[in-house]
């Protein structure tokens, strides 16, 4: 039996990672495998195909709307003056396009705990 005291920073880092877990593509593929009975290769391919479609749509400037989840929008930002924080030098910031996400009211309510999860996304 190991009687050593655990490394406190390592334990706190582990606890923090447990408090804010991250859902990855691999996790999504595993959920498809578990819940739908797809094989692992099909699950991984389906997740990759989904993200490829979302990516391609956004690159083309199309909005992506996922009912009950939210909307991804492409927004054009105008050029503007900026400042280098180190030197204070004024620099121009070029016009660019950015992707924004706006959660649905249903997702917001679930995150706030106002509405119990429907099991649909669990």
Protein backbone atom coordinates (compact mmCIF):
# COMPACT_ATOMS: atom_id res chain seq x y z
CA UNK A 1 0.00 0.00 0.00
CA UNK A 2 1.34 3.46 -0.91
CA UNK A 3 1.24 5.76 2.16
CA UNK A 4 2.50 8.86 0.34
CA UNK A 5 0.45 12.06 0.42
CA UNK A 6 -0.84 12.85 -3.07
CA UNK A 7 0.69 15.77 -4.96
CA UNK A 8 -1.71 18.61 -4.11
CA UNK A 9 -1.33 20.58 -7.41
CA UNK A 10 -1.91 17.40 -9.41
CA UNK A 11 -5.02 16.57 -7.37
CA UNK A 12 -6.44 20.09 -7.76
CA UNK A 13 -5.74 20.01 -11.52
CA UNK A 14 -7.54 16.67 -11.74
CA UNK A 15 -10.51 17.99 -9.77
CA UNK A 16 -10.66 21.11 -11.95
CA UNK A 17 -10.65 19.01 -15.13
CA UNK A 18 -13.50 16.94 -13.69
CA UNK A 19 -15.48 20.11 -12.95
CA UNK A 20 -15.20 21.39 -16.52
CA UNK A 21 -15.08 18.33 -18.77
CA UNK A 22 -14.56 18.81 -22.48
CA UNK A 23 -16.57 16.94 -25.10
CA UNK A 24 -14.32 15.90 -27.97
CA UNK A 25 -14.95 14.48 -31.44
CA UNK A 26 -13.73 11.13 -30.12
CA UNK A 27 -16.30 11.34 -27.30
CA UNK A 28 -19.05 12.07 -29.83
CA UNK A 29 -17.99 9.10 -31.95
CA UNK A 30 -17.98 6.90 -28.84
CA UNK A 31 -21.52 8.07 -27.97
CA UNK A 32 -22.73 7.19 -31.49
CA UNK A 33 -21.09 3.79 -31.11
CA UNK A 34 -22.74 3.19 -27.71
CA UNK A 35 -26.20 4.58 -28.42
CA UNK A 36 -26.82 3.81 -32.08
CA UNK A 37 -24.85 0.62 -32.49
CA UNK A 38 -22.74 1.96 -35.35
CA UNK A 39 -19.29 0.46 -35.58
CA UNK A 40 -16.41 2.65 -34.41
CA UNK A 41 -15.25 3.51 -37.94
CA UNK A 42 -18.76 4.56 -39.01
CA UNK A 43 -19.17 6.61 -35.84
CA UNK A 44 -15.90 8.45 -36.40
CA UNK A 45 -16.71 9.03 -40.08
CA UNK A 46 -20.16 10.40 -39.22
CA UNK A 47 -18.75 12.89 -36.70
CA UNK A 48 -16.06 13.98 -39.18
CA UNK A 49 -18.63 14.36 -41.97
CA UNK A 50 -20.88 16.49 -39.75
CA UNK A 51 -18.06 18.88 -38.89
CA UNK A 52 -16.88 19.00 -42.51
CA UNK A 53 -20.39 20.09 -43.59
CA UNK A 54 -20.57 22.75 -40.87
CA UNK A 55 -17.06 23.96 -41.73
CA UNK A 56 -17.75 24.12 -45.48
CA UNK A 57 -21.03 25.99 -44.96
CA UNK A 58 -19.38 28.61 -42.75
CA UNK A 59 -16.46 29.04 -45.18
CA UNK A 60 -19.03 29.71 -47.94
CA UNK A 61 -20.59 32.41 -45.75
CA UNK A 62 -23.74 30.44 -44.93
CA UNK A 63 -25.24 30.43 -41.45
CA UNK A 64 -25.68 27.07 -39.72
CA UNK A 65 -28.84 26.58 -37.65
CA UNK A 66 -29.16 23.57 -35.35
CA UNK A 67 -32.68 23.42 -33.95
CA UNK A 68 -32.76 23.31 -30.15
CA UNK A 69 -29.02 24.01 -29.98
CA UNK A 70 -28.17 27.33 -31.62
CA UNK A 71 -26.92 29.21 -34.65
CA UNK A 72 -23.45 29.72 -36.04
CA UNK A 73 -23.28 32.97 -38.01
CA UNK A 74 -20.57 34.44 -40.22
CA UNK A 75 -20.17 38.13 -39.48
CA UNK A 76 -18.07 40.68 -41.34
CA UNK A 77 -16.06 43.00 -39.13
CA UNK A 78 -15.11 46.36 -40.60
CA UNK A 79 -11.54 47.64 -40.56
CA UNK A 80 -10.70 49.71 -37.49
CA UNK A 81 -7.80 51.39 -35.80
CA UNK A 82 -5.99 49.34 -33.19
CA UNK A 83 -3.05 49.69 -30.82
CA UNK A 84 -0.06 47.50 -30.05
CA UNK A 85 -0.39 46.95 -26.27
CA UNK A 86 3.39 46.69 -25.78
CA UNK A 87 4.47 49.78 -27.66
CA UNK A 88 1.29 51.83 -27.79
CA UNK A 89 1.86 52.18 -31.54
CA UNK A 90 -1.29 52.69 -33.60
CA UNK A 91 -1.86 49.92 -36.14
CA UNK A 92 -4.72 49.28 -38.56
CA UNK A 93 -6.80 46.14 -38.08
CA UNK A 94 -7.98 44.74 -41.41
CA UNK A 95 -11.56 43.85 -42.24
CA UNK A 96 -12.25 40.21 -41.56
CA UNK A 97 -14.97 37.64 -41.14
CA UNK A 98 -15.63 35.94 -37.83
CA UNK A 99 -17.88 33.08 -36.74
CA UNK A 100 -20.23 33.75 -33.84
CA UNK A 101 -22.42 31.31 -31.93
CA UNK A 102 -25.81 32.19 -30.48
CA UNK A 103 -27.33 29.47 -28.30
CA UNK A 104 -31.04 28.71 -28.63
CA UNK A 105 -33.40 29.71 -25.85
CA UNK A 106 -33.85 25.99 -25.09
CA UNK A 107 -30.09 25.48 -24.66
CA UNK A 108 -29.77 28.63 -22.53
CA UNK A 109 -32.57 27.44 -20.25
CA UNK A 110 -30.97 23.99 -19.89
CA UNK A 111 -27.54 25.45 -19.08
CA UNK A 112 -29.10 27.76 -16.47
CA UNK A 113 -30.93 24.79 -14.93
CA UNK A 114 -34.36 26.33 -15.59
CA UNK A 115 -35.42 23.36 -17.73
CA UNK A 116 -34.35 19.77 -17.06
CA UNK A 117 -32.37 18.17 -19.91
CA UNK A 118 -34.67 16.30 -22.24
CA UNK A 119 -32.28 13.39 -22.64
CA UNK A 120 -31.95 14.38 -26.26
CA UNK A 121 -28.40 15.70 -25.81
CA UNK A 122 -27.32 13.83 -22.66
